[in-house]
Amino acid sequence: MTFSKTLSASILGGVPVLAFLAAAAIAQDKVDPQASLAVTDGQPGRYSLVAVGDEILRVDRQNGTVSVCVERSDAWRCNPVPLAEDAYLAEINELSEEVDRLAVRIEELESGDVGETKKGSGKLLPPGSALDRPKSSDEGQDQPLKLHDKDDEELDKVLTFTESAMRRFFGMVRELQKDFQGEDEGEGKGN
């Protein structure tokens, strides 16, 4: 990862946090002293607190983390605000690893190192893949595929069923259209 990408991710990651902090500063209310003690874990100098509605935004001055604190069942619960920068960096790392894996796979495919047989390479191939198919004696010749009699009969049954189902469906559509046209004409005469 280059320095410019890291810098861009850092800047983009900090923008949502800064916007959140700016909105909180605008809507700032006084924090109740009792809530302040509960939220700061007895270290009032370490945290900067901003009341936002029923919640308190807590910024750790030592390590820069931001948490949103909510009072539930007479106890304050502080949950960290996810940092966009960390999410961006994690996604960039995952994508870099995937690119590396795919580059290795492309090299394997281009060099022909992909196993010639299923068992010989130790790699599992999906059924019906090109390497899994038995080699025919007429390899290289383009011959049309021919259906067996059983396959041909089954295909005829499927086509007959499909044709009758479509005819019934379109018949129902025509009947519905006639019904709607009849209702529309009846409404027109009544006016």
C-alpha atoms as a PDB file:
ATOM      1  CA  MET A   1       0.000   0.000   0.000  1.00  0.00           C
ATOM      2  CA  THR A   2       1.435   3.366  -0.961  1.00  0.00           C
ATOM      3  CA  PHE A   3       1.736   6.383   1.272  1.00  0.00           C
ATOM      4  CA  SER A   4      -0.848   8.327  -0.764  1.00  0.00           C
ATOM      5  CA  LYS A   5      -3.420   5.536  -0.372  1.00  0.00           C
ATOM      6  CA  THR A   6      -2.763   5.370   3.361  1.00  0.00           C
ATOM      7  CA  LEU A   7      -3.054   9.138   3.664  1.00  0.00           C
ATOM      8  CA  SER A   8      -6.266   9.171   1.625  1.00  0.00           C
ATOM      9  CA  ALA A   9      -7.778   6.413   3.759  1.00  0.00           C
ATOM     10  CA  SER A  10      -6.772   8.275   6.930  1.00  0.00           C
ATOM     11  CA  ILE A  11      -8.311  11.514   5.748  1.00  0.00           C
ATOM     12  CA  LEU A  12     -11.487   9.850   4.504  1.00  0.00           C
ATOM     13  CA  GLY A  13     -11.758   7.845   7.711  1.00  0.00           C
ATOM     14  CA  GLY A  14     -11.459  10.928   9.888  1.00  0.00           C
ATOM     15  CA  VAL A  15     -14.100  12.961   8.052  1.00  0.00           C
ATOM     16  CA  PRO A  16     -17.159  11.140   9.514  1.00  0.00           C
ATOM     17  CA  VAL A  17     -15.733  11.321  13.037  1.00  0.00           C
ATOM     18  CA  LEU A  18     -15.020  15.036  12.679  1.00  0.00           C
ATOM     19  CA  ALA A  19     -18.510  15.656  11.303  1.00  0.00           C
ATOM     20  CA  PHE A  20     -19.978  13.740  14.238  1.00  0.00           C
ATOM     21  CA  LEU A  21     -17.883  15.726  16.709  1.00  0.00           C
ATOM     22  CA  ALA A  22     -18.809  19.023  15.051  1.00  0.00           C
ATOM     23  CA  ALA A  23     -22.510  18.184  15.221  1.00  0.00           C
ATOM     24  CA  ALA A  24     -22.092  17.215  18.848  1.00  0.00           C
ATOM     25  CA  ALA A  25     -20.291  20.457  19.649  1.00  0.00           C
ATOM     26  CA  ILE A  26     -23.067  22.486  18.062  1.00  0.00           C
ATOM     27  CA  ALA A  27     -25.740  20.615  20.018  1.00  0.00           C
ATOM     28  CA  GLN A  28     -23.663  20.642  23.188  1.00  0.00           C
ATOM     29  CA  ASP A  29     -25.493  20.630  26.494  1.00  0.00           C
ATOM     30  CA  LYS A  30     -24.100  20.606  29.982  1.00  0.00           C
ATOM     31  CA  VAL A  31     -23.233  17.115  31.181  1.00  0.00           C
ATOM     32  CA  ASP A  32     -24.703  16.211  34.550  1.00  0.00           C
ATOM     33  CA  PRO A  33     -21.837  15.985  37.115  1.00  0.00           C
ATOM     34  CA  GLN A  34     -23.014  12.565  38.360  1.00  0.00           C
ATOM     35  CA  ALA A  35     -23.183  11.260  34.799  1.00  0.00           C
ATOM     36  CA  SER A  36     -19.762  12.760  34.170  1.00  0.00           C
ATOM     37  CA  LEU A  37     -18.239  10.781  37.036  1.00  0.00           C
ATOM     38  CA  ALA A  38     -19.932   7.563  35.912  1.00  0.00           C
ATOM     39  CA  VAL A  39     -18.882   7.940  32.281  1.00  0.00           C
ATOM     40  CA  THR A  40     -15.261   8.938  32.937  1.00  0.00           C
ATOM     41  CA  ASP A  41     -14.523   5.933  35.163  1.00  0.00           C
ATOM     42  CA  GLY A  42     -13.152   8.248  37.844  1.00  0.00           C
ATOM     43  CA  GLN A  43     -10.682   9.950  35.458  1.00  0.00           C
ATOM     44  CA  PRO A  44     -12.351  13.283  34.617  1.00  0.00           C
ATOM     45  CA  GLY A  45      -9.181  14.817  33.113  1.00  0.00           C
ATOM     46  CA  ARG A  46      -8.762  12.005  30.612  1.00  0.00           C
ATOM     47  CA  TYR A  47     -12.063  12.428  28.752  1.00  0.00           C
ATOM     48  CA  SER A  48     -13.827  15.275  27.016  1.00  0.00           C
ATOM     49  CA  LEU A  49     -17.614  14.930  27.333  1.00  0.00           C
ATOM     50  CA  VAL A  50     -20.379  16.343  25.175  1.00  0.00           C
ATOM     51  CA  ALA A  51     -24.072  15.759  25.888  1.00  0.00           C
ATOM     52  CA  VAL A  52     -26.068  14.958  22.771  1.00  0.00           C
ATOM     53  CA  GLY A  53     -29.716  14.405  23.623  1.00  0.00           C
ATOM     54  CA  ASP A  54     -29.922  11.474  26.045  1.00  0.00           C
ATOM     55  CA  GLU A  55     -26.444  10.267  25.137  1.00  0.00           C
ATOM     56  CA  ILE A  56     -22.968  11.448  26.043  1.00  0.00           C
ATOM     57  CA  LEU A  57     -20.175  11.575  23.508  1.00  0.00           C
ATOM     58  CA  ARG A  58     -16.902  10.656  25.236  1.00  0.00           C
ATOM     59  CA  VAL A  59     -13.573  11.475  23.578  1.00  0.00           C
ATOM     60  CA  ASP A  60     -10.492   9.915  25.142  1.00  0.00           C
ATOM     61  CA  ARG A  61      -7.765  12.561  25.218  1.00  0.00           C
ATOM     62  CA  GLN A  62      -4.979   9.986  25.595  1.00  0.00           C
ATOM     63  CA  ASN A  63      -5.616   7.687  22.662  1.00  0.00           C
ATOM     64  CA  GLY A  64      -8.226   9.600  20.622  1.00  0.00           C
ATOM     65  CA  THR A  65     -10.982   6.993  20.711  1.00  0.00           C
ATOM     66  CA  VAL A  66     -14.588   8.157  20.603  1.00  0.00           C
ATOM     67  CA  SER A  67     -17.404   6.417  22.475  1.00  0.00           C
ATOM     68  CA  VAL A  68     -21.130   6.991  22.773  1.00  0.00           C
ATOM     69  CA  CYS A  69     -22.420   6.484  26.326  1.00  0.00           C
ATOM     70  CA  VAL A  70     -26.053   5.654  27.087  1.00  0.00           C
ATOM     71  CA  GLU A  71     -27.706   5.204  30.476  1.00  0.00           C
ATOM     72  CA  ARG A  72     -29.522   1.876  30.748  1.00  0.00           C
ATOM     73  CA  SER A  73     -30.934   0.389  33.941  1.00  0.00           C
ATOM     74  CA  ASP A  74     -29.261   3.022  36.121  1.00  0.00           C
ATOM     75  CA  ALA A  75     -25.836   2.207  34.641  1.00  0.00           C
ATOM     76  CA  TRP A  76     -23.873   3.935  31.900  1.00  0.00           C
ATOM     77  CA  ARG A  77     -22.757   1.827  28.923  1.00  0.00           C
ATOM     78  CA  CYS A  78     -20.107   3.256  26.609  1.00  0.00           C
ATOM     79  CA  ASN A  79     -19.689   1.717  23.159  1.00  0.00           C
ATOM     80  CA  PRO A  80     -16.822   2.755  20.882  1.00  0.00           C
ATOM     81  CA  VAL A  81     -17.678   4.495  17.632  1.00  0.00           C
ATOM     82  CA  PRO A  82     -16.238   2.380  14.815  1.00  0.00           C
ATOM     83  CA  LEU A  83     -13.396   4.119  13.050  1.00  0.00           C
ATOM     84  CA  ALA A  84     -13.915   4.373   9.327  1.00  0.00           C
ATOM     85  CA  GLU A  85     -10.154   4.414   8.823  1.00  0.00           C
ATOM     86  CA  ASP A  86      -9.787   0.964  10.388  1.00  0.00           C
ATOM     87  CA  ALA A  87     -12.593  -0.381   8.219  1.00  0.00           C
ATOM     88  CA  TYR A  88     -11.012   1.079   5.073  1.00  0.00           C
ATOM     89  CA  LEU A  89      -7.592  -0.313   5.927  1.00  0.00           C
ATOM     90  CA  ALA A  90      -9.021  -3.751   6.723  1.00  0.00           C
ATOM     91  CA  GLU A  91     -10.906  -3.817   3.432  1.00  0.00           C
ATOM     92  CA  ILE A  92      -7.829  -2.674   1.524  1.00  0.00           C
ATOM     93  CA  ASN A  93      -5.765  -5.440   3.156  1.00  0.00           C
ATOM     94  CA  GLU A  94      -8.403  -8.073   2.329  1.00  0.00           C
ATOM     95  CA  LEU A  95      -8.565  -6.910  -1.284  1.00  0.00           C
ATOM     96  CA  SER A  96      -4.763  -6.906  -1.556  1.00  0.00           C
ATOM     97  CA  GLU A  97      -4.658 -10.495  -0.294  1.00  0.00           C
ATOM     98  CA  GLU A  98      -7.362 -11.481  -2.777  1.00  0.00           C
ATOM     99  CA  VAL A  99      -5.440  -9.834  -5.629  1.00  0.00           C
ATOM    100  CA  ASP A 100      -2.333 -11.792  -4.609  1.00  0.00           C
ATOM    101  CA  ARG A 101      -4.296 -15.076  -4.499  1.00  0.00           C
ATOM    102  CA  LEU A 102      -5.842 -14.386  -7.894  1.00  0.00           C
ATOM    103  CA  ALA A 103      -2.474 -13.457  -9.417  1.00  0.00           C
ATOM    104  CA  VAL A 104      -1.036 -16.781  -8.241  1.00  0.00           C
ATOM    105  CA  ARG A 105      -4.078 -18.608  -9.639  1.00  0.00           C
ATOM    106  CA  ILE A 106      -3.726 -16.847 -13.000  1.00  0.00           C
ATOM    107  CA  GLU A 107      -0.054 -17.830 -13.156  1.00  0.00           C
ATOM    108  CA  GLU A 108      -1.018 -21.447 -12.441  1.00  0.00           C
ATOM    109  CA  LEU A 109      -3.657 -21.440 -15.161  1.00  0.00           C
ATOM    110  CA  GLU A 110      -1.435 -19.765 -17.737  1.00  0.00           C
ATOM    111  CA  SER A 111       1.524 -22.043 -17.072  1.00  0.00           C
ATOM    112  CA  GLY A 112      -0.628 -25.154 -17.285  1.00  0.00           C
ATOM    113  CA  ASP A 113       0.299 -26.274 -13.784  1.00  0.00           C
ATOM    114  CA  VAL A 114      -3.330 -26.962 -13.039  1.00  0.00           C
ATOM    115  CA  GLY A 115      -3.564 -30.695 -12.425  1.00  0.00           C
ATOM    116  CA  GLU A 116      -3.977 -32.813 -15.515  1.00  0.00           C
ATOM    117  CA  THR A 117      -5.916 -35.369 -13.541  1.00  0.00           C
ATOM    118  CA  LYS A 118      -8.105 -34.992 -10.514  1.00  0.00           C
ATOM    119  CA  LYS A 119      -6.077 -37.297  -8.317  1.00  0.00           C
ATOM    120  CA  GLY A 120      -2.612 -36.447  -9.591  1.00  0.00           C
ATOM    121  CA  SER A 121      -2.729 -32.747  -8.745  1.00  0.00           C
ATOM    122  CA  GLY A 122      -4.296 -33.053  -5.325  1.00  0.00           C
ATOM    123  CA  LYS A 123      -6.779 -30.345  -6.319  1.00  0.00           C
ATOM    124  CA  LEU A 124     -10.484 -30.922  -6.369  1.00  0.00           C
ATOM    125  CA  LEU A 125     -12.185 -30.066  -9.622  1.00  0.00           C
ATOM    126  CA  PRO A 126     -15.897 -29.474  -9.961  1.00  0.00           C
ATOM    127  CA  PRO A 127     -17.791 -32.275 -11.680  1.00  0.00           C
ATOM    128  CA  GLY A 128     -18.063 -31.701 -15.415  1.00  0.00           C
ATOM    129  CA  SER A 129     -15.115 -29.313 -15.580  1.00  0.00           C
ATOM    130  CA  ALA A 130     -13.002 -29.438 -18.720  1.00  0.00           C
ATOM    131  CA  LEU A 131     -10.184 -31.303 -16.973  1.00  0.00           C
ATOM    132  CA  ASP A 132     -12.616 -33.766 -15.420  1.00  0.00           C
ATOM    133  CA  ARG A 133     -14.271 -34.896 -18.667  1.00  0.00           C
ATOM    134  CA  PRO A 134     -13.097 -38.069 -20.349  1.00  0.00           C
ATOM    135  CA  LYS A 135     -11.222 -37.502 -23.577  1.00  0.00           C
ATOM    136  CA  SER A 136     -13.172 -38.633 -26.627  1.00  0.00           C
ATOM    137  CA  SER A 137     -11.633 -40.311 -29.638  1.00  0.00           C
ATOM    138  CA  ASP A 138     -13.061 -37.612 -31.950  1.00  0.00           C
ATOM    139  CA  GLU A 139     -11.494 -34.744 -30.023  1.00  0.00           C
ATOM    140  CA  GLY A 140     -11.219 -31.566 -32.014  1.00  0.00           C
ATOM    141  CA  GLN A 141     -14.127 -32.338 -34.346  1.00  0.00           C
ATOM    142  CA  ASP A 142     -17.294 -30.293 -34.052  1.00  0.00           C
ATOM    143  CA  GLN A 143     -20.118 -32.795 -34.142  1.00  0.00           C
ATOM    144  CA  PRO A 144     -23.668 -31.944 -33.178  1.00  0.00           C
ATOM    145  CA  LEU A 145     -24.918 -33.660 -30.065  1.00  0.00           C
ATOM    146  CA  LYS A 146     -27.595 -36.263 -30.652  1.00  0.00           C
ATOM    147  CA  LEU A 147     -30.356 -37.089 -28.209  1.00  0.00           C
ATOM    148  CA  HIS A 148     -31.169 -40.640 -27.316  1.00  0.00           C
ATOM    149  CA  ASP A 149     -34.737 -41.831 -27.880  1.00  0.00           C
ATOM    150  CA  LYS A 150     -35.462 -41.691 -24.145  1.00  0.00           C
ATOM    151  CA  ASP A 151     -34.181 -38.104 -23.925  1.00  0.00           C
ATOM    152  CA  ASP A 152     -36.175 -37.138 -27.006  1.00  0.00           C
ATOM    153  CA  GLU A 153     -39.389 -38.555 -25.493  1.00  0.00           C
ATOM    154  CA  GLU A 154     -38.775 -36.749 -22.215  1.00  0.00           C
ATOM    155  CA  LEU A 155     -38.163 -33.483 -24.061  1.00  0.00           C
ATOM    156  CA  ASP A 156     -41.447 -33.920 -25.967  1.00  0.00           C
ATOM    157  CA  LYS A 157     -43.320 -34.458 -22.679  1.00  0.00           C
ATOM    158  CA  VAL A 158     -41.820 -31.337 -21.148  1.00  0.00           C
ATOM    159  CA  LEU A 159     -42.612 -29.234 -24.220  1.00  0.00           C
ATOM    160  CA  THR A 160     -46.200 -30.537 -24.359  1.00  0.00           C
ATOM    161  CA  PHE A 161     -46.745 -29.764 -20.691  1.00  0.00           C
ATOM    162  CA  THR A 162     -45.223 -26.297 -21.067  1.00  0.00           C
ATOM    163  CA  GLU A 163     -47.367 -25.563 -24.108  1.00  0.00           C
ATOM    164  CA  SER A 164     -50.596 -26.573 -22.351  1.00  0.00           C
ATOM    165  CA  ALA A 165     -49.665 -24.597 -19.230  1.00  0.00           C
ATOM    166  CA  MET A 166     -48.984 -21.485 -21.316  1.00  0.00           C
ATOM    167  CA  ARG A 167     -52.256 -21.902 -23.224  1.00  0.00           C
ATOM    168  CA  ARG A 168     -54.191 -22.141 -19.935  1.00  0.00           C
ATOM    169  CA  PHE A 169     -52.360 -19.131 -18.532  1.00  0.00           C
ATOM    170  CA  PHE A 170     -53.040 -16.927 -21.548  1.00  0.00           C
ATOM    171  CA  GLY A 171     -56.653 -18.149 -21.614  1.00  0.00           C
ATOM    172  CA  MET A 172     -57.044 -16.959 -18.015  1.00  0.00           C
ATOM    173  CA  VAL A 173     -55.468 -13.625 -18.956  1.00  0.00           C
ATOM    174  CA  ARG A 174     -57.950 -13.200 -21.835  1.00  0.00           C
ATOM    175  CA  GLU A 175     -60.864 -13.992 -19.500  1.00  0.00           C
ATOM    176  CA  LEU A 176     -59.634 -11.449 -16.961  1.00  0.00           C
ATOM    177  CA  GLN A 177     -59.280  -8.843 -19.697  1.00  0.00           C
ATOM    178  CA  LYS A 178     -62.856  -9.507 -20.823  1.00  0.00           C
ATOM    179  CA  ASP A 179     -64.066  -9.215 -17.219  1.00  0.00           C
ATOM    180  CA  PHE A 180     -62.265  -5.902 -16.734  1.00  0.00           C
ATOM    181  CA  GLN A 181     -63.516  -4.554 -20.064  1.00  0.00           C
ATOM    182  CA  GLY A 182     -67.053  -5.576 -19.112  1.00  0.00           C
ATOM    183  CA  GLU A 183     -66.757  -3.770 -15.767  1.00  0.00           C
ATOM    184  CA  ASP A 184     -65.361  -0.650 -17.444  1.00  0.00           C
ATOM    185  CA  GLU A 185     -68.237  -0.574 -19.959  1.00  0.00           C
ATOM    186  CA  GLY A 186     -70.765  -1.076 -17.137  1.00  0.00           C
ATOM    187  CA  GLU A 187     -69.306   1.857 -15.211  1.00  0.00           C
ATOM    188  CA  GLY A 188     -69.363   4.042 -18.332  1.00  0.00           C
ATOM    189  CA  LYS A 189     -73.108   3.402 -18.917  1.00  0.00           C
ATOM    190  CA  GLY A 190     -73.979   4.094 -15.281  1.00  0.00           C
ATOM    191  CA  ASN A 191     -72.583   7.666 -15.422  1.00  0.00           C
END
